[in-house]
Amino acid sequence: MRTLAREATRGFVTSANDEIAFGVAFQIVSKGASLLGFEGSLESGELEMTIECSARPCISPETTVRITLTQNAQTHPKIKVSAIEYVSPWA
């Protein structure tokens, strides 16, 4: 899960704009969750993704972006992981 959060954050900060960034993060987490055996977990609410940015728009020079993934499966203990990346100063 931690690697999935990190990859989603990397994909987010390297996107051209906010609209693309949010879509990229969703796709990375959705496909990664499927590979980990949690297919459809974002849609069902079993897996939650929150994205926090230190500035708006998020894709602005030197913005800090944190993506947090929370697994709320009733059959497993709650798992919460996050990753932080920075948008390039030349964005």
PDB file of N, CA and C in Angstrom:
ATOM      1  N   MET A   1       0.817  -1.193   0.000  1.00  0.00           N
ATOM      2  CA  MET A   1       0.000   0.000   0.000  1.00  0.00           C
ATOM      3  C   MET A   1       0.868   1.268   0.000  1.00  0.00           C
ATOM      4  N   ARG A   2       1.958   1.243   0.740  1.00  0.00           N
ATOM      5  CA  ARG A   2       2.815   2.434   0.799  1.00  0.00           C
ATOM      6  C   ARG A   2       3.408   2.733  -0.576  1.00  0.00           C
ATOM      7  N   THR A   3       3.820   1.687  -1.285  1.00  0.00           N
ATOM      8  CA  THR A   3       4.366   1.873  -2.627  1.00  0.00           C
ATOM      9  C   THR A   3       3.307   2.431  -3.562  1.00  0.00           C
ATOM     10  N   LEU A   4       2.083   1.979  -3.409  1.00  0.00           N
ATOM     11  CA  LEU A   4       0.981   2.473  -4.234  1.00  0.00           C
ATOM     12  C   LEU A   4       0.751   3.962  -3.981  1.00  0.00           C
ATOM     13  N   ALA A   5       0.777   4.381  -2.729  1.00  0.00           N
ATOM     14  CA  ALA A   5       0.628   5.806  -2.401  1.00  0.00           C
ATOM     15  C   ALA A   5       1.774   6.614  -3.005  1.00  0.00           C
ATOM     16  N   ARG A   6       2.986   6.083  -2.910  1.00  0.00           N
ATOM     17  CA  ARG A   6       4.150   6.790  -3.456  1.00  0.00           C
ATOM     18  C   ARG A   6       4.058   6.938  -4.974  1.00  0.00           C
ATOM     19  N   GLU A   7       3.676   5.866  -5.661  1.00  0.00           N
ATOM     20  CA  GLU A   7       3.564   5.926  -7.119  1.00  0.00           C
ATOM     21  C   GLU A   7       2.450   6.879  -7.553  1.00  0.00           C
ATOM     22  N   ALA A   8       1.342   6.886  -6.832  1.00  0.00           N
ATOM     23  CA  ALA A   8       0.245   7.807  -7.159  1.00  0.00           C
ATOM     24  C   ALA A   8       0.692   9.256  -6.976  1.00  0.00           C
ATOM     25  N   THR A   9       1.457   9.513  -5.922  1.00  0.00           N
ATOM     26  CA  THR A   9       1.941  10.871  -5.667  1.00  0.00           C
ATOM     27  C   THR A   9       2.934  11.301  -6.734  1.00  0.00           C
ATOM     28  N   ARG A  10       3.812  10.396  -7.136  1.00  0.00           N
ATOM     29  CA  ARG A  10       4.765  10.715  -8.211  1.00  0.00           C
ATOM     30  C   ARG A  10       4.033  11.022  -9.513  1.00  0.00           C
ATOM     31  N   GLY A  11       3.041  10.205  -9.831  1.00  0.00           N
ATOM     32  CA  GLY A  11       2.252  10.444 -11.040  1.00  0.00           C
ATOM     33  C   GLY A  11       1.534  11.777 -10.977  1.00  0.00           C
ATOM     34  N   PHE A  12       1.039  12.120  -9.792  1.00  0.00           N
ATOM     35  CA  PHE A  12       0.317  13.380  -9.600  1.00  0.00           C
ATOM     36  C   PHE A  12       1.229  14.572  -9.871  1.00  0.00           C
ATOM     37  N   VAL A  13       2.381  14.620  -9.205  1.00  0.00           N
ATOM     38  CA  VAL A  13       3.233  15.816  -9.294  1.00  0.00           C
ATOM     39  C   VAL A  13       3.905  15.985 -10.648  1.00  0.00           C
ATOM     40  N   THR A  14       3.952  14.942 -11.455  1.00  0.00           N
ATOM     41  CA  THR A  14       4.563  15.058 -12.779  1.00  0.00           C
ATOM     42  C   THR A  14       3.537  15.320 -13.873  1.00  0.00           C
ATOM     43  N   SER A  15       2.289  15.550 -13.490  1.00  0.00           N
ATOM     44  CA  SER A  15       1.230  15.834 -14.469  1.00  0.00           C
ATOM     45  C   SER A  15       1.275  17.291 -14.909  1.00  0.00           C
ATOM     46  N   ALA A  16       0.664  17.566 -16.052  1.00  0.00           N
ATOM     47  CA  ALA A  16       0.700  18.908 -16.643  1.00  0.00           C
ATOM     48  C   ALA A  16      -0.189  19.911 -15.923  1.00  0.00           C
ATOM     49  N   ASN A  17      -1.305  19.445 -15.349  1.00  0.00           N
ATOM     50  CA  ASN A  17      -2.230  20.355 -14.662  1.00  0.00           C
ATOM     51  C   ASN A  17      -3.063  19.561 -13.663  1.00  0.00           C
ATOM     52  N   ASP A  18      -3.875  20.260 -12.867  1.00  0.00           N
ATOM     53  CA  ASP A  18      -4.666  19.611 -11.821  1.00  0.00           C
ATOM     54  C   ASP A  18      -5.641  18.581 -12.370  1.00  0.00           C
ATOM     55  N   GLU A  19      -6.324  18.914 -13.438  1.00  0.00           N
ATOM     56  CA  GLU A  19      -7.325  17.992 -13.986  1.00  0.00           C
ATOM     57  C   GLU A  19      -6.680  16.655 -14.351  1.00  0.00           C
ATOM     58  N   ILE A  20      -5.560  16.721 -15.024  1.00  0.00           N
ATOM     59  CA  ILE A  20      -4.844  15.498 -15.396  1.00  0.00           C
ATOM     60  C   ILE A  20      -4.300  14.806 -14.147  1.00  0.00           C
ATOM     61  N   ALA A  21      -3.759  15.569 -13.212  1.00  0.00           N
ATOM     62  CA  ALA A  21      -3.136  15.009 -12.011  1.00  0.00           C
ATOM     63  C   ALA A  21      -4.113  14.169 -11.195  1.00  0.00           C
ATOM     64  N   PHE A  22      -5.321  14.678 -10.968  1.00  0.00           N
ATOM     65  CA  PHE A  22      -6.298  13.926 -10.183  1.00  0.00           C
ATOM     66  C   PHE A  22      -6.693  12.640 -10.902  1.00  0.00           C
ATOM     67  N   GLY A  23      -6.848  12.707 -12.217  1.00  0.00           N
ATOM     68  CA  GLY A  23      -7.179  11.516 -13.003  1.00  0.00           C
ATOM     69  C   GLY A  23      -6.068  10.484 -12.982  1.00  0.00           C
ATOM     70  N   VAL A  24      -4.824  10.945 -13.102  1.00  0.00           N
ATOM     71  CA  VAL A  24      -3.667  10.044 -13.081  1.00  0.00           C
ATOM     72  C   VAL A  24      -3.580   9.332 -11.733  1.00  0.00           C
ATOM     73  N   ALA A  25      -3.721  10.074 -10.648  1.00  0.00           N
ATOM     74  CA  ALA A  25      -3.647   9.466  -9.315  1.00  0.00           C
ATOM     75  C   ALA A  25      -4.742   8.416  -9.142  1.00  0.00           C
ATOM     76  N   PHE A  26      -5.955   8.728  -9.585  1.00  0.00           N
ATOM     77  CA  PHE A  26      -7.060   7.778  -9.468  1.00  0.00           C
ATOM     78  C   PHE A  26      -6.757   6.507 -10.261  1.00  0.00           C
ATOM     79  N   GLN A  27      -6.264   6.666 -11.487  1.00  0.00           N
ATOM     80  CA  GLN A  27      -5.966   5.500 -12.326  1.00  0.00           C
ATOM     81  C   GLN A  27      -4.854   4.640 -11.717  1.00  0.00           C
ATOM     82  N   ILE A  28      -3.819   5.266 -11.201  1.00  0.00           N
ATOM     83  CA  ILE A  28      -2.719   4.514 -10.591  1.00  0.00           C
ATOM     84  C   ILE A  28      -3.218   3.719  -9.394  1.00  0.00           C
ATOM     85  N   VAL A  29      -3.994   4.362  -8.529  1.00  0.00           N
ATOM     86  CA  VAL A  29      -4.488   3.669  -7.338  1.00  0.00           C
ATOM     87  C   VAL A  29      -5.487   2.583  -7.718  1.00  0.00           C
ATOM     88  N   SER A  30      -6.361   2.877  -8.653  1.00  0.00           N
ATOM     89  CA  SER A  30      -7.359   1.894  -9.075  1.00  0.00           C
ATOM     90  C   SER A  30      -6.695   0.646  -9.660  1.00  0.00           C
ATOM     91  N   LYS A  31      -5.757   0.842 -10.579  1.00  0.00           N
ATOM     92  CA  LYS A  31      -5.076  -0.303 -11.205  1.00  0.00           C
ATOM     93  C   LYS A  31      -4.154  -1.012 -10.216  1.00  0.00           C
ATOM     94  N   GLY A  32      -3.470  -0.254  -9.398  1.00  0.00           N
ATOM     95  CA  GLY A  32      -2.599  -0.866  -8.391  1.00  0.00           C
ATOM     96  C   GLY A  32      -3.381  -1.672  -7.374  1.00  0.00           C
ATOM     97  N   ALA A  33      -4.519  -1.155  -6.946  1.00  0.00           N
ATOM     98  CA  ALA A  33      -5.366  -1.887  -5.998  1.00  0.00           C
ATOM     99  C   ALA A  33      -5.844  -3.195  -6.614  1.00  0.00           C
ATOM    100  N   SER A  34      -6.182  -3.170  -7.885  1.00  0.00           N
ATOM    101  CA  SER A  34      -6.603  -4.401  -8.576  1.00  0.00           C
ATOM    102  C   SER A  34      -5.482  -5.436  -8.569  1.00  0.00           C
ATOM    103  N   LEU A  35      -4.259  -4.986  -8.834  1.00  0.00           N
ATOM    104  CA  LEU A  35      -3.116  -5.906  -8.829  1.00  0.00           C
ATOM    105  C   LEU A  35      -2.861  -6.496  -7.442  1.00  0.00           C
ATOM    106  N   LEU A  36      -3.219  -5.741  -6.405  1.00  0.00           N
ATOM    107  CA  LEU A  36      -3.033  -6.213  -5.031  1.00  0.00           C
ATOM    108  C   LEU A  36      -4.223  -7.027  -4.528  1.00  0.00           C
ATOM    109  N   GLY A  37      -5.216  -7.228  -5.387  1.00  0.00           N
ATOM    110  CA  GLY A  37      -6.378  -8.026  -5.000  1.00  0.00           C
ATOM    111  C   GLY A  37      -7.537  -7.229  -4.447  1.00  0.00           C
ATOM    112  N   PHE A  38      -7.520  -5.920  -4.638  1.00  0.00           N
ATOM    113  CA  PHE A  38      -8.583  -5.054  -4.130  1.00  0.00           C
ATOM    114  C   PHE A  38      -9.351  -4.406  -5.270  1.00  0.00           C
ATOM    115  N   GLU A  39      -9.674  -5.168  -6.289  1.00  0.00           N
ATOM    116  CA  GLU A  39     -10.364  -4.628  -7.464  1.00  0.00           C
ATOM    117  C   GLU A  39     -11.694  -3.990  -7.058  1.00  0.00           C
ATOM    118  N   GLY A  40     -11.935  -2.779  -7.553  1.00  0.00           N
ATOM    119  CA  GLY A  40     -13.172  -2.058  -7.269  1.00  0.00           C
ATOM    120  C   GLY A  40     -13.239  -1.454  -5.880  1.00  0.00           C
ATOM    121  N   SER A  41     -12.135  -1.490  -5.140  1.00  0.00           N
ATOM    122  CA  SER A  41     -12.163  -1.012  -3.758  1.00  0.00           C
ATOM    123  C   SER A  41     -12.318   0.498  -3.639  1.00  0.00           C
ATOM    124  N   LEU A  42     -11.816   1.266  -4.608  1.00  0.00           N
ATOM    125  CA  LEU A  42     -12.025   2.720  -4.578  1.00  0.00           C
ATOM    126  C   LEU A  42     -13.497   3.041  -4.786  1.00  0.00           C
ATOM    127  N   GLU A  43     -14.100   2.356  -5.739  1.00  0.00           N
ATOM    128  CA  GLU A  43     -15.503   2.603  -6.059  1.00  0.00           C
ATOM    129  C   GLU A  43     -16.422   2.175  -4.913  1.00  0.00           C
ATOM    130  N   SER A  44     -16.064   1.103  -4.211  1.00  0.00           N
ATOM    131  CA  SER A  44     -16.913   0.585  -3.130  1.00  0.00           C
ATOM    132  C   SER A  44     -16.699   1.322  -1.814  1.00  0.00           C
ATOM    133  N   GLY A  45     -15.634   2.101  -1.708  1.00  0.00           N
ATOM    134  CA  GLY A  45     -15.333   2.805  -0.471  1.00  0.00           C
ATOM    135  C   GLY A  45     -14.454   2.008   0.476  1.00  0.00           C
ATOM    136  N   GLU A  46     -14.104   0.782   0.088  1.00  0.00           N
ATOM    137  CA  GLU A  46     -13.216  -0.031   0.913  1.00  0.00           C
ATOM    138  C   GLU A  46     -11.826   0.599   0.991  1.00  0.00           C
ATOM    139  N   LEU A  47     -11.455   1.313  -0.062  1.00  0.00           N
ATOM    140  CA  LEU A  47     -10.188   2.034  -0.106  1.00  0.00           C
ATOM    141  C   LEU A  47     -10.491   3.497  -0.400  1.00  0.00           C
ATOM    142  N   GLU A  48     -10.000   4.377   0.453  1.00  0.00           N
ATOM    143  CA  GLU A  48     -10.206   5.817   0.267  1.00  0.00           C
ATOM    144  C   GLU A  48      -8.877   6.475  -0.084  1.00  0.00           C
ATOM    145  N   MET A  49      -8.949   7.439  -0.991  1.00  0.00           N
ATOM    146  CA  MET A  49      -7.770   8.206  -1.366  1.00  0.00           C
ATOM    147  C   MET A  49      -8.063   9.676  -1.090  1.00  0.00           C
ATOM    148  N   THR A  50      -7.186  10.322  -0.340  1.00  0.00           N
ATOM    149  CA  THR A  50      -7.308  11.762  -0.131  1.00  0.00           C
ATOM    150  C   THR A  50      -6.042  12.419  -0.666  1.00  0.00           C
ATOM    151  N   ILE A  51      -6.239  13.580  -1.274  1.00  0.00           N
ATOM    152  CA  ILE A  51      -5.127  14.329  -1.855  1.00  0.00           C
ATOM    153  C   ILE A  51      -5.116  15.712  -1.222  1.00  0.00           C
ATOM    154  N   GLU A  52      -3.981  16.072  -0.628  1.00  0.00           N
ATOM    155  CA  GLU A  52      -3.823  17.382  -0.008  1.00  0.00           C
ATOM    156  C   GLU A  52      -2.697  18.128  -0.708  1.00  0.00           C
ATOM    157  N   CYS A  53      -2.931  19.393  -0.992  1.00  0.00           N
ATOM    158  CA  CYS A  53      -1.930  20.234  -1.657  1.00  0.00           C
ATOM    159  C   CYS A  53      -1.683  21.475  -0.809  1.00  0.00           C
ATOM    160  N   SER A  54      -0.438  21.922  -0.770  1.00  0.00           N
ATOM    161  CA  SER A  54      -0.105  23.109   0.023  1.00  0.00           C
ATOM    162  C   SER A  54      -0.473  24.401  -0.692  1.00  0.00           C
ATOM    163  N   ALA A  55      -0.833  24.329  -1.968  1.00  0.00           N
ATOM    164  CA  ALA A  55      -1.220  25.516  -2.742  1.00  0.00           C
ATOM    165  C   ALA A  55      -2.247  25.110  -3.788  1.00  0.00           C
ATOM    166  N   ARG A  56      -2.942  26.092  -4.308  1.00  0.00           N
ATOM    167  CA  ARG A  56      -3.892  25.875  -5.409  1.00  0.00           C
ATOM    168  C   ARG A  56      -3.519  26.793  -6.535  1.00  0.00           C
ATOM    169  N   PRO A  57      -3.483  26.363  -7.763  1.00  0.00           N
ATOM    170  CA  PRO A  57      -3.683  24.979  -8.158  1.00  0.00           C
ATOM    171  C   PRO A  57      -2.566  24.093  -7.614  1.00  0.00           C
ATOM    172  N   CYS A  58      -2.870  22.800  -7.485  1.00  0.00           N
ATOM    173  CA  CYS A  58      -1.883  21.855  -6.936  1.00  0.00           C
ATOM    174  C   CYS A  58      -0.624  21.795  -7.789  1.00  0.00           C
ATOM    175  N   ILE A  59      -0.787  21.819  -9.094  1.00  0.00           N
ATOM    176  CA  ILE A  59       0.376  21.769  -9.986  1.00  0.00           C
ATOM    177  C   ILE A  59       0.889  23.196 -10.175  1.00  0.00           C
ATOM    178  N   SER A  60       1.578  23.648  -9.129  1.00  0.00           N
ATOM    179  CA  SER A  60       2.235  24.961  -9.094  1.00  0.00           C
ATOM    180  C   SER A  60       3.646  24.730  -8.577  1.00  0.00           C
ATOM    181  N   PRO A  61       4.593  25.577  -8.942  1.00  0.00           N
ATOM    182  CA  PRO A  61       5.970  25.378  -8.494  1.00  0.00           C
ATOM    183  C   PRO A  61       6.089  25.200  -6.982  1.00  0.00           C
ATOM    184  N   GLU A  62       6.837  24.166  -6.593  1.00  0.00           N
ATOM    185  CA  GLU A  62       7.191  23.870  -5.206  1.00  0.00           C
ATOM    186  C   GLU A  62       6.010  23.531  -4.298  1.00  0.00           C
ATOM    187  N   THR A  63       4.886  23.140  -4.847  1.00  0.00           N
ATOM    188  CA  THR A  63       3.741  22.719  -4.037  1.00  0.00           C
ATOM    189  C   THR A  63       4.023  21.347  -3.430  1.00  0.00           C
ATOM    190  N   THR A  64       3.674  21.190  -2.157  1.00  0.00           N
ATOM    191  CA  THR A  64       3.767  19.900  -1.484  1.00  0.00           C
ATOM    192  C   THR A  64       2.454  19.157  -1.697  1.00  0.00           C
ATOM    193  N   VAL A  65       2.543  17.908  -2.121  1.00  0.00           N
ATOM    194  CA  VAL A  65       1.354  17.088  -2.356  1.00  0.00           C
ATOM    195  C   VAL A  65       1.460  15.831  -1.499  1.00  0.00           C
ATOM    196  N   ARG A  66       0.398  15.563  -0.736  1.00  0.00           N
ATOM    197  CA  ARG A  66       0.335  14.347   0.082  1.00  0.00           C
ATOM    198  C   ARG A  66      -0.875  13.533  -0.364  1.00  0.00           C
ATOM    199  N   ILE A  67      -0.642  12.272  -0.685  1.00  0.00           N
ATOM    200  CA  ILE A  67      -1.737  11.353  -0.989  1.00  0.00           C
ATOM    201  C   ILE A  67      -1.787  10.325   0.133  1.00  0.00           C
ATOM    202  N   THR A  68      -2.976  10.184   0.715  1.00  0.00           N
ATOM    203  CA  THR A  68      -3.198   9.225   1.789  1.00  0.00           C
ATOM    204  C   THR A  68      -4.174   8.168   1.314  1.00  0.00           C
ATOM    205  N   LEU A  69      -3.825   6.917   1.540  1.00  0.00           N
ATOM    206  CA  LEU A  69      -4.704   5.792   1.227  1.00  0.00           C
ATOM    207  C   LEU A  69      -5.126   5.148   2.539  1.00  0.00           C
ATOM    208  N   THR A  70      -6.426   4.944   2.697  1.00  0.00           N
ATOM    209  CA  THR A  70      -6.970   4.312   3.892  1.00  0.00           C
ATOM    210  C   THR A  70      -7.789   3.113   3.475  1.00  0.00           C
ATOM    211  N   GLN A  71      -7.426   1.945   3.992  1.00  0.00           N
ATOM    212  CA  GLN A  71      -8.179   0.726   3.702  1.00  0.00           C
ATOM    213  C   GLN A  71      -9.148   0.496   4.850  1.00  0.00           C
ATOM    214  N   ASN A  72     -10.438   0.468   4.517  1.00  0.00           N
ATOM    215  CA  ASN A  72     -11.490   0.329   5.517  1.00  0.00           C
ATOM    216  C   ASN A  72     -12.187  -1.022   5.440  1.00  0.00           C
ATOM    217  N   ALA A  73     -11.484  -2.080   5.039  1.00  0.00           N
ATOM    218  CA  ALA A  73     -12.101  -3.399   4.908  1.00  0.00           C
ATOM    219  C   ALA A  73     -12.563  -3.893   6.271  1.00  0.00           C
ATOM    220  N   GLN A  74     -13.757  -4.454   6.304  1.00  0.00           N
ATOM    221  CA  GLN A  74     -14.289  -4.951   7.571  1.00  0.00           C
ATOM    222  C   GLN A  74     -13.619  -6.251   7.997  1.00  0.00           C
ATOM    223  N   THR A  75     -12.970  -6.930   7.060  1.00  0.00           N
ATOM    224  CA  THR A  75     -12.317  -8.200   7.379  1.00  0.00           C
ATOM    225  C   THR A  75     -10.855  -8.024   7.773  1.00  0.00           C
ATOM    226  N   HIS A  76     -10.331  -6.804   7.696  1.00  0.00           N
ATOM    227  CA  HIS A  76      -8.930  -6.528   8.020  1.00  0.00           C
ATOM    228  C   HIS A  76      -8.864  -5.326   8.957  1.00  0.00           C
ATOM    229  N   PRO A  77      -7.782  -5.200   9.707  1.00  0.00           N
ATOM    230  CA  PRO A  77      -7.589  -3.972  10.485  1.00  0.00           C
ATOM    231  C   PRO A  77      -7.447  -2.770   9.541  1.00  0.00           C
ATOM    232  N   LYS A  78      -7.818  -1.602  10.016  1.00  0.00           N
ATOM    233  CA  LYS A  78      -7.701  -0.383   9.214  1.00  0.00           C
ATOM    234  C   LYS A  78      -6.222  -0.105   8.929  1.00  0.00           C
ATOM    235  N   ILE A  79      -5.929   0.190   7.670  1.00  0.00           N
ATOM    236  CA  ILE A  79      -4.565   0.513   7.248  1.00  0.00           C
ATOM    237  C   ILE A  79      -4.578   1.912   6.648  1.00  0.00           C
ATOM    238  N   LYS A  80      -3.639   2.755   7.080  1.00  0.00           N
ATOM    239  CA  LYS A  80      -3.544   4.118   6.558  1.00  0.00           C
ATOM    240  C   LYS A  80      -2.081   4.407   6.238  1.00  0.00           C
ATOM    241  N   VAL A  81      -1.826   4.767   4.975  1.00  0.00           N
ATOM    242  CA  VAL A  81      -0.468   5.098   4.541  1.00  0.00           C
ATOM    243  C   VAL A  81      -0.516   6.394   3.742  1.00  0.00           C
ATOM    244  N   SER A  82       0.603   7.092   3.701  1.00  0.00           N
ATOM    245  CA  SER A  82       0.643   8.316   2.896  1.00  0.00           C
ATOM    246  C   SER A  82       2.036   8.509   2.317  1.00  0.00           C
ATOM    247  N   ALA A  83       2.073   9.336   1.289  1.00  0.00           N
ATOM    248  CA  ALA A  83       3.335   9.681   0.634  1.00  0.00           C
ATOM    249  C   ALA A  83       3.300  11.160   0.283  1.00  0.00           C
ATOM    250  N   ILE A  84       4.452  11.785   0.336  1.00  0.00           N
ATOM    251  CA  ILE A  84       4.582  13.208   0.027  1.00  0.00           C
ATOM    252  C   ILE A  84       5.582  13.377  -1.113  1.00  0.00           C
ATOM    253  N   GLU A  85       5.224  14.211  -2.053  1.00  0.00           N
ATOM    254  CA  GLU A  85       6.121  14.587  -3.147  1.00  0.00           C
ATOM    255  C   GLU A  85       5.981  16.092  -3.357  1.00  0.00           C
ATOM    256  N   TYR A  86       6.910  16.656  -4.104  1.00  0.00           N
ATOM    257  CA  TYR A  86       6.918  18.091  -4.374  1.00  0.00           C
ATOM    258  C   TYR A  86       6.856  18.335  -5.871  1.00  0.00           C
ATOM    259  N   VAL A  87       6.075  19.326  -6.260  1.00  0.00           N
ATOM    260  CA  VAL A  87       6.014  19.728  -7.663  1.00  0.00           C
ATOM    261  C   VAL A  87       7.311  20.471  -7.978  1.00  0.00           C
ATOM    262  N   SER A  88       7.851  20.232  -9.132  1.00  0.00           N
ATOM    263  CA  SER A  88       9.102  20.859  -9.554  1.00  0.00           C
ATOM    264  C   SER A  88       9.010  22.383  -9.467  1.00  0.00           C
ATOM    265  N   PRO A  89      10.096  23.052  -9.085  1.00  0.00           N
ATOM    266  CA  PRO A  89      10.084  24.513  -9.067  1.00  0.00           C
ATOM    267  C   PRO A  89       9.906  25.112 -10.461  1.00  0.00           C
ATOM    268  N   TRP A  90      10.088  24.301 -11.493  1.00  0.00           N
ATOM    269  CA  TRP A  90       9.951  24.785 -12.867  1.00  0.00           C
ATOM    270  C   TRP A  90       8.616  24.400 -13.489  1.00  0.00           C
ATOM    271  N   ALA A  91       7.671  23.938 -12.663  1.00  0.00           N
ATOM    272  CA  ALA A  91       6.356  23.501 -13.189  1.00  0.00           C
ATOM    273  C   ALA A  91       5.575  24.664 -13.750  1.00  0.00           C
TER     274      ALA A  91
END
